[in-house]
């Protein structure tokens, strides 16, 4: 990913979050997703930084999908 190509002329909201499966992570990511239209309307692209591995993210996504079904 080329940061400057991706961001283009947009502002970037760059944030980090603690490990997956924590309340803070879920709250930050969920709220950022809920506000996606508002970010877009303001020409802002959110970019979250995590120290977790790809495998951990895949587990978290799958866990979230299972929770949404129940």
Protein backbone atom coordinates (compact mmCIF):
# COMPACT_ATOMS: atom_id res chain seq x y z
CA UNK A 1 0.00 0.00 0.00
CA UNK A 2 1.28 3.43 -0.87
CA UNK A 3 -0.04 5.69 1.87
CA UNK A 4 0.06 8.87 -0.20
CA UNK A 5 -1.58 7.25 -3.22
CA UNK A 6 -4.30 5.75 -1.00
CA UNK A 7 -4.99 8.96 0.92
CA UNK A 8 -4.96 11.14 -2.19
CA UNK A 9 -6.35 14.55 -1.28
CA UNK A 10 -8.28 13.25 1.75
CA UNK A 11 -7.56 13.84 5.39
CA UNK A 12 -6.61 10.68 7.27
CA UNK A 13 -7.88 9.74 10.73
CA UNK A 14 -5.05 7.48 11.91
CA UNK A 15 -5.67 5.56 15.12
CA UNK A 16 -4.35 2.53 16.95
CA UNK A 17 -6.21 0.08 19.10
CA UNK A 18 -5.34 -2.57 21.66
CA UNK A 19 -5.48 -6.28 20.97
CA UNK A 20 -8.47 -7.94 19.31
CA UNK A 21 -11.19 -9.38 21.53
CA UNK A 22 -11.02 -6.42 23.92
CA UNK A 23 -13.94 -4.05 24.58
CA UNK A 24 -11.94 -1.00 23.50
CA UNK A 25 -10.96 -2.57 20.17
CA UNK A 26 -14.53 -3.58 19.40
CA UNK A 27 -15.88 -0.16 20.37
CA UNK A 28 -13.32 1.78 18.31
CA UNK A 29 -13.63 -0.34 15.20
CA UNK A 30 -17.41 -0.60 15.41
CA UNK A 31 -17.91 3.12 15.92
CA UNK A 32 -15.50 3.97 13.11
CA UNK A 33 -17.51 1.70 10.79
CA UNK A 34 -20.79 3.29 11.93
CA UNK A 35 -19.41 6.74 11.10
CA UNK A 36 -18.11 5.78 7.64
CA UNK A 37 -20.59 8.04 5.81
CA UNK A 38 -19.73 11.00 8.02
CA UNK A 39 -16.02 10.44 7.46
CA UNK A 40 -16.59 10.19 3.71
CA UNK A 41 -18.74 13.34 3.69
CA UNK A 42 -15.85 15.20 5.37
CA UNK A 43 -13.29 13.73 2.94
CA UNK A 44 -11.62 11.75 5.73
CA UNK A 45 -10.31 8.18 5.46
CA UNK A 46 -9.97 6.23 8.72
CA UNK A 47 -6.91 4.02 9.09
CA UNK A 48 -6.58 1.74 12.12
CA UNK A 49 -3.26 0.33 13.24
CA UNK A 50 -3.07 -2.96 15.09
CA UNK A 51 -0.21 -5.04 16.40
CA UNK A 52 -2.20 -8.28 16.12
CA UNK A 53 -1.36 -10.82 13.43
CA UNK A 54 -3.45 -11.47 10.35
CA UNK A 55 -4.50 -14.80 11.90
CA UNK A 56 -5.82 -13.00 14.99
CA UNK A 57 -7.80 -10.59 12.83
CA UNK A 58 -9.34 -13.46 10.89
CA UNK A 59 -10.37 -15.12 14.16
CA UNK A 60 -11.88 -11.84 15.36
CA UNK A 61 -13.82 -11.34 12.11
CA UNK A 62 -15.15 -14.90 12.23
CA UNK A 63 -16.14 -14.48 15.89
CA UNK A 64 -17.96 -11.25 15.02
CA UNK A 65 -19.83 -12.96 12.15
CA UNK A 66 -20.97 -15.79 14.43
CA UNK A 67 -22.15 -13.29 17.05
CA UNK A 68 -24.15 -11.36 14.43
CA UNK A 69 -26.03 -14.51 13.40
CA UNK A 70 -27.14 -15.35 16.95
